[in-house]
Amino acid sequence: QVQLTESGGGLVQAGASLRLSCAASGLSFSNYAMGWFRQAP
């Protein structure tokens, strides 16, 4: 049903930029607040 798929990650050097994307399906996207979290080992 609901699926959130992140993309855009990678290996970069300090000072570089990346743009992450999260594509949502199976839900009415505009009815949801969205957030980004991260976890290091």
Full PDB file with SEQRES, HELIX, SHEET, SSBOND, CRYST1, ORIGX, SCALE, CONECT and MASTER records, all heavy atoms in Angstrom:
SEQRES   1 A   41  GLN VAL GLN LEU THR GLU SER GLY GLY GLY LEU VAL GLN          
SEQRES   2 A   41  ALA GLY ALA SER LEU ARG LEU SER CYS ALA ALA SER GLY          
SEQRES   3 A   41  LEU SER PHE SER ASN TYR ALA MET GLY TRP PHE ARG GLN          
SEQRES   4 A   41  ALA PRO                                                      
HELIX    1 AA1 PHE A   29  ASN A   31  5                                   3    
SHEET    1 AA1 2 GLN A   3  SER A   7  0                                        
SHEET    2 AA1 2 SER A  21  SER A  25 -1                                        
CRYST1    1.000    1.000    1.000  90.00  90.00  90.00 P 1           1          
ORIGX1      1.000000  0.000000  0.000000        0.00000                         
ORIGX2      0.000000  1.000000  0.000000        0.00000                         
ORIGX3      0.000000  0.000000  1.000000        0.00000                         
SCALE1      1.000000  0.000000  0.000000        0.00000                         
SCALE2      0.000000  1.000000  0.000000        0.00000                         
SCALE3      0.000000  0.000000  1.000000        0.00000                         
ATOM      1  N   GLN A   1       0.839  -1.200   0.000  1.00  0.00           N  
ATOM      2  CA  GLN A   1       0.000   0.000   0.000  1.00  0.00           C  
ATOM      3  C   GLN A   1       0.873   1.249   0.000  1.00  0.00           C  
ATOM      4  O   GLN A   1       1.211   1.763  -1.059  1.00  0.00           O  
ATOM      5  CB  GLN A   1      -0.927  -0.008   1.209  1.00  0.00           C  
ATOM      6  CG  GLN A   1      -2.024  -1.039   1.137  1.00  0.00           C  
ATOM      7  CD  GLN A   1      -3.016  -0.741   0.036  1.00  0.00           C  
ATOM      8  OE1 GLN A   1      -3.255   0.414  -0.298  1.00  0.00           O  
ATOM      9  NE2 GLN A   1      -3.593  -1.797  -0.530  1.00  0.00           N  
ATOM     10  N   VAL A   2       1.237   1.713   1.183  1.00  0.00           N  
ATOM     11  CA  VAL A   2       2.047   2.914   1.288  1.00  0.00           C  
ATOM     12  C   VAL A   2       3.513   2.577   1.078  1.00  0.00           C  
ATOM     13  O   VAL A   2       4.030   1.636   1.681  1.00  0.00           O  
ATOM     14  CB  VAL A   2       1.857   3.590   2.652  1.00  0.00           C  
ATOM     15  CG1 VAL A   2       2.785   4.798   2.782  1.00  0.00           C  
ATOM     16  CG2 VAL A   2       0.411   4.011   2.827  1.00  0.00           C  
ATOM     17  N   GLN A   3       4.151   3.347   0.237  1.00  0.00           N  
ATOM     18  CA  GLN A   3       5.563   3.139  -0.030  1.00  0.00           C  
ATOM     19  C   GLN A   3       6.273   4.478  -0.138  1.00  0.00           C  
ATOM     20  O   GLN A   3       5.819   5.369  -0.857  1.00  0.00           O  
ATOM     21  CB  GLN A   3       5.767   2.340  -1.308  1.00  0.00           C  
ATOM     22  CG  GLN A   3       7.217   1.989  -1.594  1.00  0.00           C  
ATOM     23  CD  GLN A   3       7.375   1.106  -2.814  1.00  0.00           C  
ATOM     24  OE1 GLN A   3       6.594   1.190  -3.763  1.00  0.00           O  
ATOM     25  NE2 GLN A   3       8.382   0.258  -2.794  1.00  0.00           N  
ATOM     26  N   LEU A   4       7.370   4.603   0.577  1.00  0.00           N  
ATOM     27  CA  LEU A   4       8.230   5.771   0.493  1.00  0.00           C  
ATOM     28  C   LEU A   4       9.589   5.291   0.021  1.00  0.00           C  
ATOM     29  O   LEU A   4      10.189   4.415   0.643  1.00  0.00           O  
ATOM     30  CB  LEU A   4       8.363   6.467   1.850  1.00  0.00           C  
ATOM     31  CG  LEU A   4       7.066   6.919   2.528  1.00  0.00           C  
ATOM     32  CD1 LEU A   4       7.378   7.537   3.896  1.00  0.00           C  
ATOM     33  CD2 LEU A   4       6.329   7.923   1.658  1.00  0.00           C  
ATOM     34  N   THR A   5      10.070   5.855  -1.070  1.00  0.00           N  
ATOM     35  CA  THR A   5      11.309   5.411  -1.672  1.00  0.00           C  
ATOM     36  C   THR A   5      12.289   6.563  -1.771  1.00  0.00           C  
ATOM     37  O   THR A   5      12.073   7.506  -2.533  1.00  0.00           O  
ATOM     38  CB  THR A   5      11.059   4.817  -3.067  1.00  0.00           C  
ATOM     39  OG1 THR A   5      10.103   3.758  -2.975  1.00  0.00           O  
ATOM     40  CG2 THR A   5      12.355   4.260  -3.639  1.00  0.00           C  
ATOM     41  N   GLU A   6      13.369   6.462  -1.006  1.00  0.00           N  
ATOM     42  CA  GLU A   6      14.405   7.488  -1.027  1.00  0.00           C  
ATOM     43  C   GLU A   6      15.405   7.210  -2.145  1.00  0.00           C  
ATOM     44  O   GLU A   6      15.661   6.058  -2.492  1.00  0.00           O  
ATOM     45  CB  GLU A   6      15.152   7.547   0.311  1.00  0.00           C  
ATOM     46  CG  GLU A   6      14.275   7.814   1.524  1.00  0.00           C  
ATOM     47  CD  GLU A   6      13.843   6.545   2.220  1.00  0.00           C  
ATOM     48  OE1 GLU A   6      13.814   5.476   1.571  1.00  0.00           O  
ATOM     49  OE2 GLU A   6      13.536   6.619   3.428  1.00  0.00           O  
ATOM     50  N   SER A   7      15.985   8.267  -2.652  1.00  0.00           N  
ATOM     51  CA  SER A   7      17.035   8.148  -3.653  1.00  0.00           C  
ATOM     52  C   SER A   7      17.914   9.389  -3.597  1.00  0.00           C  
ATOM     53  O   SER A   7      17.552  10.390  -2.976  1.00  0.00           O  
ATOM     54  CB  SER A   7      16.452   7.972  -5.058  1.00  0.00           C  
ATOM     55  OG  SER A   7      15.684   9.103  -5.432  1.00  0.00           O  
ATOM     56  N   GLY A   8      19.052   9.315  -4.238  1.00  0.00           N  
ATOM     57  CA  GLY A   8      19.935  10.464  -4.323  1.00  0.00           C  
ATOM     58  C   GLY A   8      21.159  10.405  -3.438  1.00  0.00           C  
ATOM     59  O   GLY A   8      22.025  11.282  -3.523  1.00  0.00           O  
ATOM     60  N   GLY A   9      21.245   9.397  -2.588  1.00  0.00           N  
ATOM     61  CA  GLY A   9      22.407   9.266  -1.733  1.00  0.00           C  
ATOM     62  C   GLY A   9      23.627   8.855  -2.530  1.00  0.00           C  
ATOM     63  O   GLY A   9      23.537   8.472  -3.694  1.00  0.00           O  
ATOM     64  N   GLY A  10      24.778   8.936  -1.887  1.00  0.00           N  
ATOM     65  CA  GLY A  10      26.007   8.566  -2.558  1.00  0.00           C  
ATOM     66  C   GLY A  10      27.217   8.914  -1.739  1.00  0.00           C  
ATOM     67  O   GLY A  10      27.110   9.298  -0.573  1.00  0.00           O  
ATOM     68  N   LEU A  11      28.372   8.784  -2.364  1.00  0.00           N  
ATOM     69  CA  LEU A  11      29.652   9.088  -1.738  1.00  0.00           C  
ATOM     70  C   LEU A  11      30.175  10.398  -2.307  1.00  0.00           C  
ATOM     71  O   LEU A  11      30.378  10.518  -3.523  1.00  0.00           O  
ATOM     72  CB  LEU A  11      30.649   7.957  -1.999  1.00  0.00           C  
ATOM     73  CG  LEU A  11      32.083   8.179  -1.541  1.00  0.00           C  
ATOM     74  CD1 LEU A  11      32.141   8.360  -0.029  1.00  0.00           C  
ATOM     75  CD2 LEU A  11      32.957   7.017  -1.983  1.00  0.00           C  
ATOM     76  N   VAL A  12      30.387  11.367  -1.436  1.00  0.00           N  
ATOM     77  CA  VAL A  12      30.880  12.672  -1.858  1.00  0.00           C  
ATOM     78  C   VAL A  12      31.966  13.143  -0.907  1.00  0.00           C  
ATOM     79  O   VAL A  12      32.136  12.618   0.192  1.00  0.00           O  
ATOM     80  CB  VAL A  12      29.756  13.725  -1.911  1.00  0.00           C  
ATOM     81  CG1 VAL A  12      28.690  13.325  -2.918  1.00  0.00           C  
ATOM     82  CG2 VAL A  12      29.146  13.926  -0.530  1.00  0.00           C  
ATOM     83  N   GLN A  13      32.687  14.155  -1.338  1.00  0.00           N  
ATOM     84  CA  GLN A  13      33.724  14.748  -0.504  1.00  0.00           C  
ATOM     85  C   GLN A  13      33.155  15.885   0.331  1.00  0.00           C  
ATOM     86  O   GLN A  13      32.122  16.463  -0.004  1.00  0.00           O  
ATOM     87  CB  GLN A  13      34.872  15.268  -1.369  1.00  0.00           C  
ATOM     88  CG  GLN A  13      35.660  14.182  -2.072  1.00  0.00           C  
ATOM     89  CD  GLN A  13      36.846  14.725  -2.837  1.00  0.00           C  
ATOM     90  OE1 GLN A  13      36.763  15.776  -3.466  1.00  0.00           O  
ATOM     91  NE2 GLN A  13      37.959  14.008  -2.785  1.00  0.00           N  
ATOM     92  N   ALA A  14      33.818  16.179   1.418  1.00  0.00           N  
ATOM     93  CA  ALA A  14      33.396  17.272   2.278  1.00  0.00           C  
ATOM     94  C   ALA A  14      33.270  18.560   1.470  1.00  0.00           C  
ATOM     95  O   ALA A  14      34.112  18.869   0.631  1.00  0.00           O  
ATOM     96  CB  ALA A  14      34.382  17.459   3.420  1.00  0.00           C  
ATOM     97  N   GLY A  15      32.199  19.292   1.733  1.00  0.00           N  
ATOM     98  CA  GLY A  15      31.937  20.523   1.025  1.00  0.00           C  
ATOM     99  C   GLY A  15      31.012  20.362  -0.158  1.00  0.00           C  
ATOM    100  O   GLY A  15      30.509  21.364  -0.688  1.00  0.00           O  
ATOM    101  N   ALA A  16      30.760  19.136  -0.564  1.00  0.00           N  
ATOM    102  CA  ALA A  16      29.905  18.871  -1.713  1.00  0.00           C  
ATOM    103  C   ALA A  16      28.433  18.974  -1.338  1.00  0.00           C  
ATOM    104  O   ALA A  16      28.076  19.140  -0.168  1.00  0.00           O  
ATOM    105  CB  ALA A  16      30.210  17.492  -2.282  1.00  0.00           C  
ATOM    106  N   SER A  17      27.584  18.851  -2.346  1.00  0.00           N  
ATOM    107  CA  SER A  17      26.140  18.912  -2.157  1.00  0.00           C  
ATOM    108  C   SER A  17      25.477  17.670  -2.708  1.00  0.00           C  
ATOM    109  O   SER A  17      25.973  17.047  -3.646  1.00  0.00           O  
ATOM    110  CB  SER A  17      25.552  20.139  -2.855  1.00  0.00           C  
ATOM    111  OG  SER A  17      26.046  21.342  -2.311  1.00  0.00           O  
ATOM    112  N   LEU A  18      24.364  17.310  -2.119  1.00  0.00           N  
ATOM    113  CA  LEU A  18      23.526  16.228  -2.596  1.00  0.00           C  
ATOM    114  C   LEU A  18      22.069  16.636  -2.437  1.00  0.00           C  
ATOM    115  O   LEU A  18      21.729  17.383  -1.524  1.00  0.00           O  
ATOM    116  CB  LEU A  18      23.761  14.941  -1.816  1.00  0.00           C  
ATOM    117  CG  LEU A  18      24.989  14.091  -2.126  1.00  0.00           C  
ATOM    118  CD1 LEU A  18      25.078  12.945  -1.120  1.00  0.00           C  
ATOM    119  CD2 LEU A  18      24.931  13.553  -3.545  1.00  0.00           C  
ATOM    120  N   ARG A  19      21.239  16.127  -3.314  1.00  0.00           N  
ATOM    121  CA  ARG A  19      19.809  16.312  -3.173  1.00  0.00           C  
ATOM    122  C   ARG A  19      19.150  14.945  -3.061  1.00  0.00           C  
ATOM    123  O   ARG A  19      19.211  14.127  -3.989  1.00  0.00           O  
ATOM    124  CB  ARG A  19      19.212  17.076  -4.354  1.00  0.00           C  
ATOM    125  CG  ARG A  19      17.690  17.253  -4.246  1.00  0.00           C  
ATOM    126  CD  ARG A  19      17.128  18.104  -5.364  1.00  0.00           C  
ATOM    127  NE  ARG A  19      17.555  19.484  -5.246  1.00  0.00           N  
ATOM    128  CZ  ARG A  19      17.184  20.456  -6.079  1.00  0.00           C  
ATOM    129  NH1 ARG A  19      16.391  20.178  -7.096  1.00  0.00           N  
ATOM    130  NH2 ARG A  19      17.626  21.688  -5.896  1.00  0.00           N  
ATOM    131  N   LEU A  20      18.528  14.700  -1.925  1.00  0.00           N  
ATOM    132  CA  LEU A  20      17.801  13.470  -1.707  1.00  0.00           C  
ATOM    133  C   LEU A  20      16.349  13.645  -2.121  1.00  0.00           C  
ATOM    134  O   LEU A  20      15.771  14.718  -1.948  1.00  0.00           O  
ATOM    135  CB  LEU A  20      17.859  13.053  -0.240  1.00  0.00           C  
ATOM    136  CG  LEU A  20      19.245  12.899   0.387  1.00  0.00           C  
ATOM    137  CD1 LEU A  20      19.113  12.394   1.818  1.00  0.00           C  
ATOM    138  CD2 LEU A  20      20.115  11.971  -0.439  1.00  0.00           C  
ATOM    139  N   SER A  21      15.776  12.592  -2.662  1.00  0.00           N  
ATOM    140  CA  SER A  21      14.376  12.595  -3.042  1.00  0.00           C  
ATOM    141  C   SER A  21      13.653  11.464  -2.336  1.00  0.00           C  
ATOM    142  O   SER A  21      14.241  10.414  -2.059  1.00  0.00           O  
ATOM    143  CB  SER A  21      14.216  12.418  -4.558  1.00  0.00           C  
ATOM    144  OG  SER A  21      14.838  13.461  -5.267  1.00  0.00           O  
ATOM    145  N   CYS A  22      12.404  11.677  -2.041  1.00  0.00           N  
ATOM    146  CA  CYS A  22      11.559  10.651  -1.446  1.00  0.00           C  
ATOM    147  C   CYS A  22      10.242  10.653  -2.200  1.00  0.00           C  
ATOM    148  O   CYS A  22       9.449  11.594  -2.071  1.00  0.00           O  
ATOM    149  CB  CYS A  22      11.340  10.913   0.041  1.00  0.00           C  
ATOM    150  SG  CYS A  22      10.161   9.788   0.826  1.00  0.00           S  
ATOM    151  N   ALA A  23      10.029   9.612  -2.982  1.00  0.00           N  
ATOM    152  CA  ALA A  23       8.807   9.482  -3.757  1.00  0.00           C  
ATOM    153  C   ALA A  23       7.791   8.657  -2.985  1.00  0.00           C  
ATOM    154  O   ALA A  23       8.106   7.563  -2.508  1.00  0.00           O  
ATOM    155  CB  ALA A  23       9.105   8.824  -5.103  1.00  0.00           C  
ATOM    156  N   ALA A  24       6.588   9.176  -2.852  1.00  0.00           N  
ATOM    157  CA  ALA A  24       5.539   8.520  -2.092  1.00  0.00           C  
ATOM    158  C   ALA A  24       4.481   7.943  -3.014  1.00  0.00           C  
ATOM    159  O   ALA A  24       4.128   8.540  -4.038  1.00  0.00           O  
ATOM    160  CB  ALA A  24       4.898   9.497  -1.117  1.00  0.00           C  
ATOM    161  N   SER A  25       3.958   6.798  -2.633  1.00  0.00           N  
ATOM    162  CA  SER A  25       2.857   6.178  -3.354  1.00  0.00           C  
ATOM    163  C   SER A  25       1.952   5.468  -2.355  1.00  0.00           C  
ATOM    164  O   SER A  25       2.373   5.128  -1.252  1.00  0.00           O  
ATOM    165  CB  SER A  25       3.363   5.192  -4.413  1.00  0.00           C  
ATOM    166  OG  SER A  25       4.080   4.123  -3.809  1.00  0.00           O  
ATOM    167  N   GLY A  26       0.712   5.259  -2.742  1.00  0.00           N  
ATOM    168  CA  GLY A  26      -0.220   4.568  -1.878  1.00  0.00           C  
ATOM    169  C   GLY A  26      -0.834   5.435  -0.802  1.00  0.00           C  
ATOM    170  O   GLY A  26      -1.499   4.915   0.112  1.00  0.00           O  
ATOM    171  N   LEU A  27      -0.632   6.721  -0.868  1.00  0.00           N  
ATOM    172  CA  LEU A  27      -1.223   7.645   0.086  1.00  0.00           C  
ATOM    173  C   LEU A  27      -1.558   8.957  -0.606  1.00  0.00           C  
ATOM    174  O   LEU A  27      -1.052   9.242  -1.686  1.00  0.00           O  
ATOM    175  CB  LEU A  27      -0.297   7.877   1.286  1.00  0.00           C  
ATOM    176  CG  LEU A  27       1.154   8.297   1.032  1.00  0.00           C  
ATOM    177  CD1 LEU A  27       1.255   9.762   0.631  1.00  0.00           C  
ATOM    178  CD2 LEU A  27       2.003   8.053   2.268  1.00  0.00           C  
ATOM    179  N   SER A  28      -2.423   9.720   0.041  1.00  0.00           N  
ATOM    180  CA  SER A  28      -2.741  11.053  -0.457  1.00  0.00           C  
ATOM    181  C   SER A  28      -1.661  11.991   0.053  1.00  0.00           C  
ATOM    182  O   SER A  28      -1.718  12.482   1.178  1.00  0.00           O  
ATOM    183  CB  SER A  28      -4.119  11.486   0.029  1.00  0.00           C  
ATOM    184  OG  SER A  28      -4.464  12.756  -0.495  1.00  0.00           O  
ATOM    185  N   PHE A  29      -0.680  12.219  -0.783  1.00  0.00           N  
ATOM    186  CA  PHE A  29       0.556  12.875  -0.364  1.00  0.00           C  
ATOM    187  C   PHE A  29       0.329  14.225   0.307  1.00  0.00           C  
ATOM    188  O   PHE A  29       0.960  14.539   1.314  1.00  0.00           O  
ATOM    189  CB  PHE A  29       1.483  13.023  -1.565  1.00  0.00           C  
ATOM    190  CG  PHE A  29       2.832  13.569  -1.228  1.00  0.00           C  
ATOM    191  CD1 PHE A  29       3.748  12.817  -0.518  1.00  0.00           C  
ATOM    192  CD2 PHE A  29       3.196  14.846  -1.629  1.00  0.00           C  
ATOM    193  CE1 PHE A  29       5.002  13.322  -0.210  1.00  0.00           C  
ATOM    194  CE2 PHE A  29       4.443  15.358  -1.336  1.00  0.00           C  
ATOM    195  CZ  PHE A  29       5.346  14.588  -0.620  1.00  0.00           C  
ATOM    196  N   SER A  30      -0.571  15.014  -0.242  1.00  0.00           N  
ATOM    197  CA  SER A  30      -0.790  16.357   0.279  1.00  0.00           C  
ATOM    198  C   SER A  30      -1.425  16.366   1.665  1.00  0.00           C  
ATOM    199  O   SER A  30      -1.471  17.414   2.308  1.00  0.00           O  
ATOM    200  CB  SER A  30      -1.647  17.177  -0.687  1.00  0.00           C  
ATOM    201  OG  SER A  30      -2.928  16.592  -0.852  1.00  0.00           O  
ATOM    202  N   ASN A  31      -1.908  15.228   2.135  1.00  0.00           N  
ATOM    203  CA  ASN A  31      -2.493  15.132   3.467  1.00  0.00           C  
ATOM    204  C   ASN A  31      -1.482  14.729   4.532  1.00  0.00           C  
ATOM    205  O   ASN A  31      -1.851  14.553   5.693  1.00  0.00           O  
ATOM    206  CB  ASN A  31      -3.645  14.130   3.475  1.00  0.00           C  
ATOM    207  CG  ASN A  31      -4.867  14.648   2.750  1.00  0.00           C  
ATOM    208  OD1 ASN A  31      -5.087  15.854   2.666  1.00  0.00           O  
ATOM    209  ND2 ASN A  31      -5.668  13.736   2.219  1.00  0.00           N  
ATOM    210  N   TYR A  32      -0.225  14.589   4.151  1.00  0.00           N  
ATOM    211  CA  TYR A  32       0.805  14.132   5.070  1.00  0.00           C  
ATOM    212  C   TYR A  32       1.896  15.166   5.250  1.00  0.00           C  
ATOM    213  O   TYR A  32       2.416  15.723   4.275  1.00  0.00           O  
ATOM    214  CB  TYR A  32       1.446  12.838   4.567  1.00  0.00           C  
ATOM    215  CG  TYR A  32       0.567  11.618   4.696  1.00  0.00           C  
ATOM    216  CD1 TYR A  32      -0.466  11.392   3.803  1.00  0.00           C  
ATOM    217  CD2 TYR A  32       0.789  10.700   5.711  1.00  0.00           C  
ATOM    218  CE1 TYR A  32      -1.279  10.278   3.927  1.00  0.00           C  
ATOM    219  CE2 TYR A  32      -0.014   9.582   5.830  1.00  0.00           C  
ATOM    220  CZ  TYR A  32      -1.043   9.371   4.938  1.00  0.00           C  
ATOM    221  OH  TYR A  32      -1.833   8.253   5.064  1.00  0.00           O  
ATOM    222  N   ALA A  33       2.234  15.396   6.509  1.00  0.00           N  
ATOM    223  CA  ALA A  33       3.475  16.092   6.793  1.00  0.00           C  
ATOM    224  C   ALA A  33       4.616  15.132   6.517  1.00  0.00           C  
ATOM    225  O   ALA A  33       4.464  13.919   6.659  1.00  0.00           O  
ATOM    226  CB  ALA A  33       3.512  16.560   8.247  1.00  0.00           C  
ATOM    227  N   MET A  34       5.751  15.657   6.103  1.00  0.00           N  
ATOM    228  CA  MET A  34       6.888  14.819   5.752  1.00  0.00           C  
ATOM    229  C   MET A  34       8.118  15.219   6.549  1.00  0.00           C  
ATOM    230  O   MET A  34       8.290  16.387   6.909  1.00  0.00           O  
ATOM    231  CB  MET A  34       7.197  14.929   4.263  1.00  0.00           C  
ATOM    232  CG  MET A  34       6.056  14.512   3.340  1.00  0.00           C  
ATOM    233  SD  MET A  34       5.612  12.763   3.507  1.00  0.00           S  
ATOM    234  CE  MET A  34       7.123  11.975   2.948  1.00  0.00           C  
ATOM    235  N   GLY A  35       8.952  14.242   6.810  1.00  0.00           N  
ATOM    236  CA  GLY A  35      10.166  14.513   7.552  1.00  0.00           C  
ATOM    237  C   GLY A  35      11.335  13.709   7.041  1.00  0.00           C  
ATOM    238  O   GLY A  35      11.169  12.693   6.354  1.00  0.00           O  
ATOM    239  N   TRP A  36      12.520  14.189   7.361  1.00  0.00           N  
ATOM    240  CA  TRP A  36      13.760  13.473   7.083  1.00  0.00           C  
ATOM    241  C   TRP A  36      14.473  13.194   8.398  1.00  0.00           C  
ATOM    242  O   TRP A  36      14.580  14.073   9.257  1.00  0.00           O  
ATOM    243  CB  TRP A  36      14.689  14.281   6.173  1.00  0.00           C  
ATOM    244  CG  TRP A  36      14.273  14.318   4.740  1.00  0.00           C  
ATOM    245  CD1 TRP A  36      13.558  15.291   4.113  1.00  0.00           C  
ATOM    246  CD2 TRP A  36      14.559  13.332   3.741  1.00  0.00           C  
ATOM    247  NE1 TRP A  36      13.378  14.985   2.795  1.00  0.00           N  
ATOM    248  CE2 TRP A  36      13.985  13.780   2.537  1.00  0.00           C  
ATOM    249  CE3 TRP A  36      15.247  12.116   3.754  1.00  0.00           C  
ATOM    250  CZ2 TRP A  36      14.077  13.056   1.350  1.00  0.00           C  
ATOM    251  CZ3 TRP A  36      15.337  11.393   2.573  1.00  0.00           C  
ATOM    252  CH2 TRP A  36      14.760  11.862   1.394  1.00  0.00           C  
ATOM    253  N   PHE A  37      14.960  11.968   8.532  1.00  0.00           N  
ATOM    254  CA  PHE A  37      15.733  11.539   9.683  1.00  0.00           C  
ATOM    255  C   PHE A  37      16.995  10.860   9.190  1.00  0.00           C  
ATOM    256  O   PHE A  37      17.083  10.467   8.029  1.00  0.00           O  
ATOM    257  CB  PHE A  37      14.930  10.576  10.561  1.00  0.00           C  
ATOM    258  CG  PHE A  37      13.715  11.200  11.194  1.00  0.00           C  
ATOM    259  CD1 PHE A  37      12.556  11.415  10.462  1.00  0.00           C  
ATOM    260  CD2 PHE A  37      13.729  11.569  12.525  1.00  0.00           C  
ATOM    261  CE1 PHE A  37      11.439  11.988  11.034  1.00  0.00           C  
ATOM    262  CE2 PHE A  37      12.613  12.144  13.117  1.00  0.00           C  
ATOM    263  CZ  PHE A  37      11.473  12.354  12.371  1.00  0.00           C  
ATOM    264  N   ARG A  38      17.958  10.713  10.072  1.00  0.00           N  
ATOM    265  CA  ARG A  38      19.173  10.010   9.686  1.00  0.00           C  
ATOM    266  C   ARG A  38      19.692   9.189  10.850  1.00  0.00           C  
ATOM    267  O   ARG A  38      19.441   9.484  12.009  1.00  0.00           O  
ATOM    268  CB  ARG A  38      20.249  10.988   9.201  1.00  0.00           C  
ATOM    269  CG  ARG A  38      20.787  11.935  10.268  1.00  0.00           C  
ATOM    270  CD  ARG A  38      21.707  12.968   9.637  1.00  0.00           C  
ATOM    271  NE  ARG A  38      22.305  13.845  10.630  1.00  0.00           N  
ATOM    272  CZ  ARG A  38      23.067  14.892  10.335  1.00  0.00           C  
ATOM    273  NH1 ARG A  38      23.329  15.183   9.058  1.00  0.00           N  
ATOM    274  NH2 ARG A  38      23.575  15.649  11.306  1.00  0.00           N  
ATOM    275  N   GLN A  39      20.437   8.147  10.511  1.00  0.00           N  
ATOM    276  CA  GLN A  39      20.990   7.270  11.523  1.00  0.00           C  
ATOM    277  C   GLN A  39      22.360   6.787  11.082  1.00  0.00           C  
ATOM    278  O   GLN A  39      22.500   6.185  10.021  1.00  0.00           O  
ATOM    279  CB  GLN A  39      20.076   6.079  11.784  1.00  0.00           C  
ATOM    280  CG  GLN A  39      20.523   5.197  12.932  1.00  0.00           C  
ATOM    281  CD  GLN A  39      19.470   4.181  13.323  1.00  0.00           C  
ATOM    282  OE1 GLN A  39      18.580   3.858  12.538  1.00  0.00           O  
ATOM    283  NE2 GLN A  39      19.558   3.670  14.534  1.00  0.00           N  
ATOM    284  N   ALA A  40      23.351   7.059  11.900  1.00  0.00           N  
ATOM    285  CA  ALA A  40      24.705   6.576  11.668  1.00  0.00           C  
ATOM    286  C   ALA A  40      24.897   5.268  12.420  1.00  0.00           C  
ATOM    287  O   ALA A  40      24.210   5.016  13.417  1.00  0.00           O  
ATOM    288  CB  ALA A  40      25.723   7.612  12.122  1.00  0.00           C  
ATOM    289  N   PRO A  41      25.835   4.424  11.979  1.00  0.00           N  
ATOM    290  CA  PRO A  41      26.067   3.153  12.660  1.00  0.00           C  
ATOM    291  C   PRO A  41      26.366   3.335  14.138  1.00  0.00           C  
ATOM    292  O   PRO A  41      27.205   4.156  14.517  1.00  0.00           O  
ATOM    293  CB  PRO A  41      27.279   2.577  11.919  1.00  0.00           C  
ATOM    294  CG  PRO A  41      27.187   3.175  10.555  1.00  0.00           C  
ATOM    295  CD  PRO A  41      26.682   4.567  10.783  1.00  0.00           C  
TER     296      PRO A  41                                                      
MASTER        0    0    0    1    2    0    0    6  295    1    0    4          
END                                                                             
